[in-house]
N, C-alpha and C. Protein backbone atom coordinates (compact mmCIF):
# COMPACT_ATOMS: atom_id res chain seq x y z
N MET A 1 135.82 -103.07 -107.79
CA MET A 1 135.62 -104.38 -108.34
C MET A 1 135.90 -105.47 -107.31
N PHE A 2 136.98 -105.32 -106.56
CA PHE A 2 137.31 -106.34 -105.56
C PHE A 2 136.25 -106.39 -104.45
N SER A 3 135.70 -105.25 -104.09
CA SER A 3 134.63 -105.24 -103.09
C SER A 3 133.42 -106.01 -103.58
N ILE A 4 133.11 -105.87 -104.84
CA ILE A 4 131.96 -106.58 -105.42
C ILE A 4 132.23 -108.08 -105.47
N ILE A 5 133.40 -108.46 -105.94
CA ILE A 5 133.75 -109.88 -106.01
C ILE A 5 133.72 -110.52 -104.63
N ASN A 6 134.20 -109.78 -103.62
CA ASN A 6 134.30 -110.32 -102.26
C ASN A 6 133.10 -109.97 -101.38
N HIS A 7 132.04 -109.42 -101.99
CA HIS A 7 130.79 -109.11 -101.28
C HIS A 7 131.02 -108.22 -100.06
N ARG A 8 131.70 -107.10 -100.27
CA ARG A 8 131.98 -106.15 -99.20
C ARG A 8 131.23 -104.84 -99.46
N GLN A 9 130.91 -104.14 -98.38
CA GLN A 9 130.32 -102.81 -98.51
C GLN A 9 131.39 -101.89 -99.11
N PHE A 10 130.96 -100.91 -99.88
CA PHE A 10 131.92 -99.99 -100.49
C PHE A 10 131.23 -98.68 -100.85
N VAL A 11 132.06 -97.70 -101.10
CA VAL A 11 131.63 -96.42 -101.68
C VAL A 11 132.61 -96.14 -102.81
N ALA A 12 132.11 -95.82 -103.97
CA ALA A 12 132.96 -95.50 -105.12
C ALA A 12 133.11 -93.99 -105.23
N PHE A 13 134.30 -93.57 -105.61
CA PHE A 13 134.60 -92.15 -105.78
C PHE A 13 135.10 -91.92 -107.20
N TYR A 14 134.68 -90.82 -107.77
CA TYR A 14 135.21 -90.44 -109.08
C TYR A 14 136.65 -89.98 -108.92
N ARG A 15 137.47 -90.29 -109.91
CA ARG A 15 138.87 -89.87 -109.87
C ARG A 15 139.03 -88.40 -110.23
N THR A 16 138.15 -87.92 -111.09
CA THR A 16 138.21 -86.52 -111.52
C THR A 16 136.81 -85.92 -111.46
N LYS A 17 136.74 -84.62 -111.59
CA LYS A 17 135.43 -83.96 -111.64
C LYS A 17 134.73 -84.38 -112.93
N SER A 18 133.44 -84.52 -112.86
CA SER A 18 132.67 -84.92 -114.04
C SER A 18 132.77 -83.91 -115.16
N THR A 19 133.07 -82.67 -114.84
CA THR A 19 133.17 -81.62 -115.85
C THR A 19 134.52 -81.63 -116.56
N ASP A 20 135.48 -82.40 -116.06
CA ASP A 20 136.81 -82.49 -116.68
C ASP A 20 136.67 -83.17 -118.03
N LYS A 21 137.22 -82.56 -119.08
CA LYS A 21 137.06 -83.12 -120.43
C LYS A 21 137.79 -84.45 -120.59
N ASN A 22 138.75 -84.76 -119.73
CA ASN A 22 139.47 -86.02 -119.78
C ASN A 22 138.92 -87.05 -118.79
N SER A 23 137.75 -86.76 -118.25
CA SER A 23 137.14 -87.64 -117.25
C SER A 23 136.85 -89.01 -117.84
N ARG A 24 137.12 -90.03 -117.05
CA ARG A 24 136.79 -91.40 -117.41
C ARG A 24 135.73 -91.94 -116.44
N ASN A 25 135.01 -91.03 -115.82
CA ASN A 25 134.00 -91.41 -114.83
C ASN A 25 132.89 -92.26 -115.42
N SER A 26 132.69 -92.15 -116.72
CA SER A 26 131.62 -92.93 -117.35
C SER A 26 131.87 -94.43 -117.19
N ARG A 27 133.13 -94.83 -117.05
CA ARG A 27 133.42 -96.25 -116.84
C ARG A 27 132.84 -96.71 -115.50
N ILE A 28 132.99 -95.88 -114.48
CA ILE A 28 132.44 -96.19 -113.16
C ILE A 28 130.92 -96.22 -113.25
N ASP A 29 130.36 -95.19 -113.89
CA ASP A 29 128.89 -95.11 -114.05
C ASP A 29 128.35 -96.34 -114.78
N ASP A 30 128.98 -96.70 -115.89
CA ASP A 30 128.50 -97.83 -116.69
C ASP A 30 128.61 -99.15 -115.93
N PHE A 31 129.75 -99.37 -115.29
CA PHE A 31 129.94 -100.63 -114.58
C PHE A 31 128.98 -100.77 -113.40
N LEU A 32 128.98 -99.78 -112.52
CA LEU A 32 128.11 -99.87 -111.35
C LEU A 32 126.64 -99.77 -111.73
N GLY A 33 126.33 -98.97 -112.74
CA GLY A 33 124.95 -98.89 -113.21
C GLY A 33 124.47 -100.21 -113.78
N GLY A 34 125.35 -100.92 -114.48
CA GLY A 34 125.01 -102.22 -115.04
C GLY A 34 124.73 -103.27 -113.98
N LEU A 35 125.22 -103.02 -112.78
CA LEU A 35 124.99 -103.94 -111.67
C LEU A 35 123.97 -103.38 -110.67
N SER A 36 123.30 -102.31 -111.06
CA SER A 36 122.33 -101.63 -110.19
C SER A 36 122.96 -101.14 -108.89
N LEU A 37 124.21 -100.69 -108.98
CA LEU A 37 124.93 -100.20 -107.81
C LEU A 37 125.31 -98.72 -107.94
N GLY A 38 124.63 -98.02 -108.80
CA GLY A 38 124.92 -96.61 -109.01
C GLY A 38 124.74 -95.75 -107.77
N ASP A 39 123.92 -96.21 -106.83
CA ASP A 39 123.69 -95.46 -105.60
C ASP A 39 124.89 -95.49 -104.67
N TYR A 40 125.89 -96.28 -105.00
CA TYR A 40 127.07 -96.41 -104.14
C TYR A 40 128.22 -95.53 -104.62
N ILE A 41 127.92 -94.62 -105.55
CA ILE A 41 128.91 -93.65 -106.01
C ILE A 41 128.73 -92.38 -105.19
N TYR A 42 129.79 -91.93 -104.56
CA TYR A 42 129.73 -90.72 -103.75
C TYR A 42 129.63 -89.51 -104.66
N GLY A 43 128.68 -88.66 -104.34
CA GLY A 43 128.52 -87.41 -105.06
C GLY A 43 128.66 -86.25 -104.09
N GLU A 44 128.96 -85.10 -104.61
CA GLU A 44 129.13 -83.92 -103.77
C GLU A 44 127.87 -83.70 -102.94
N GLY A 45 128.06 -83.57 -101.64
CA GLY A 45 126.94 -83.35 -100.74
C GLY A 45 126.32 -84.63 -100.20
N ASP A 46 126.75 -85.79 -100.71
CA ASP A 46 126.23 -87.06 -100.20
C ASP A 46 126.78 -87.34 -98.81
N ASN A 47 126.07 -88.16 -98.08
CA ASN A 47 126.50 -88.59 -96.76
C ASN A 47 127.10 -89.99 -96.88
N ILE A 48 128.41 -90.10 -96.68
CA ILE A 48 129.09 -91.38 -96.84
C ILE A 48 128.52 -92.43 -95.89
N ASP A 49 128.22 -92.02 -94.67
CA ASP A 49 127.67 -92.98 -93.69
C ASP A 49 126.39 -93.62 -94.21
N LYS A 50 125.53 -92.85 -94.84
CA LYS A 50 124.27 -93.39 -95.37
C LYS A 50 124.55 -94.38 -96.51
N ILE A 51 125.53 -94.05 -97.35
CA ILE A 51 125.86 -94.94 -98.46
C ILE A 51 126.39 -96.28 -97.93
N VAL A 52 127.29 -96.21 -96.97
CA VAL A 52 127.91 -97.42 -96.42
C VAL A 52 126.90 -98.30 -95.70
N LYS A 53 125.90 -97.69 -95.08
CA LYS A 53 124.93 -98.47 -94.32
C LYS A 53 123.86 -99.13 -95.18
N ARG A 54 123.80 -98.78 -96.47
CA ARG A 54 122.84 -99.44 -97.36
C ARG A 54 123.24 -100.90 -97.54
N THR A 55 122.26 -101.76 -97.59
CA THR A 55 122.52 -103.18 -97.78
C THR A 55 122.61 -103.48 -99.27
N ILE A 56 123.66 -104.16 -99.64
CA ILE A 56 123.84 -104.57 -101.03
C ILE A 56 123.31 -105.99 -101.17
N GLU A 57 122.37 -106.19 -102.07
CA GLU A 57 121.81 -107.51 -102.33
C GLU A 57 122.74 -108.24 -103.31
N TYR A 58 123.74 -108.91 -102.75
CA TYR A 58 124.76 -109.53 -103.59
C TYR A 58 124.25 -110.70 -104.42
N ASP A 59 123.15 -111.32 -104.04
CA ASP A 59 122.58 -112.37 -104.89
C ASP A 59 122.15 -111.77 -106.23
N GLU A 60 121.51 -110.62 -106.19
CA GLU A 60 121.10 -109.94 -107.41
C GLU A 60 122.31 -109.45 -108.21
N VAL A 61 123.28 -108.89 -107.50
CA VAL A 61 124.50 -108.40 -108.17
C VAL A 61 125.22 -109.56 -108.86
N ASP A 62 125.33 -110.70 -108.18
CA ASP A 62 125.98 -111.87 -108.77
C ASP A 62 125.26 -112.34 -110.03
N ASN A 63 123.92 -112.30 -110.00
CA ASN A 63 123.15 -112.68 -111.20
C ASN A 63 123.44 -111.73 -112.35
N GLN A 64 123.45 -110.44 -112.07
CA GLN A 64 123.72 -109.45 -113.12
C GLN A 64 125.15 -109.57 -113.63
N LEU A 65 126.08 -109.83 -112.72
CA LEU A 65 127.48 -110.00 -113.10
C LEU A 65 127.65 -111.23 -113.98
N SER A 66 126.92 -112.28 -113.68
CA SER A 66 126.97 -113.50 -114.48
C SER A 66 126.49 -113.23 -115.91
N VAL A 67 125.43 -112.46 -116.04
CA VAL A 67 124.92 -112.11 -117.37
C VAL A 67 125.97 -111.29 -118.14
N LEU A 68 126.59 -110.34 -117.47
CA LEU A 68 127.63 -109.53 -118.12
C LEU A 68 128.81 -110.40 -118.56
N ARG A 69 129.19 -111.35 -117.73
CA ARG A 69 130.30 -112.26 -118.08
C ARG A 69 129.91 -113.10 -119.30
N GLN A 70 128.68 -113.64 -119.31
CA GLN A 70 128.23 -114.45 -120.44
C GLN A 70 128.23 -113.63 -121.73
N ASN A 71 127.77 -112.38 -121.64
CA ASN A 71 127.77 -111.50 -122.81
C ASN A 71 129.19 -111.25 -123.30
N SER A 72 130.11 -111.07 -122.39
CA SER A 72 131.51 -110.83 -122.76
C SER A 72 132.11 -112.04 -123.44
N VAL A 73 131.88 -113.22 -122.90
CA VAL A 73 132.40 -114.44 -123.49
C VAL A 73 131.79 -114.66 -124.87
N SER A 74 130.51 -114.42 -125.02
CA SER A 74 129.86 -114.56 -126.33
C SER A 74 130.45 -113.60 -127.34
N PHE A 75 130.66 -112.35 -126.92
CA PHE A 75 131.24 -111.35 -127.81
C PHE A 75 132.63 -111.79 -128.26
N LEU A 76 133.46 -112.21 -127.31
CA LEU A 76 134.82 -112.62 -127.65
C LEU A 76 134.83 -113.87 -128.55
N THR A 77 133.96 -114.81 -128.27
CA THR A 77 133.88 -116.02 -129.08
C THR A 77 133.51 -115.68 -130.53
N GLU A 78 132.51 -114.83 -130.70
CA GLU A 78 132.10 -114.42 -132.05
C GLU A 78 133.19 -113.61 -132.74
N ALA A 79 133.86 -112.76 -132.00
CA ALA A 79 134.91 -111.91 -132.60
C ALA A 79 136.11 -112.73 -133.06
N LEU A 80 136.37 -113.83 -132.38
CA LEU A 80 137.55 -114.65 -132.70
C LEU A 80 137.27 -115.73 -133.74
N GLU A 81 135.99 -115.91 -134.11
CA GLU A 81 135.67 -116.94 -135.11
C GLU A 81 135.92 -116.46 -136.50
């Protein structure tokens, strides 16, 4: 999250194996997928150097993040009324 806020290159790693029944990897998938950054999640057999060298279009990410923030504020406003 901090890399995204500060417009830095990053690679995301799952904390547990996807097959683990207590896995919370879907949070990473959902968040990065919602920002079209799913390609920055390291998977078994991936080349980290290739992931890091990809250019992140932060203008697009910022637009998507803004929409997610607006949706969150709207949800909270409606829930609290």
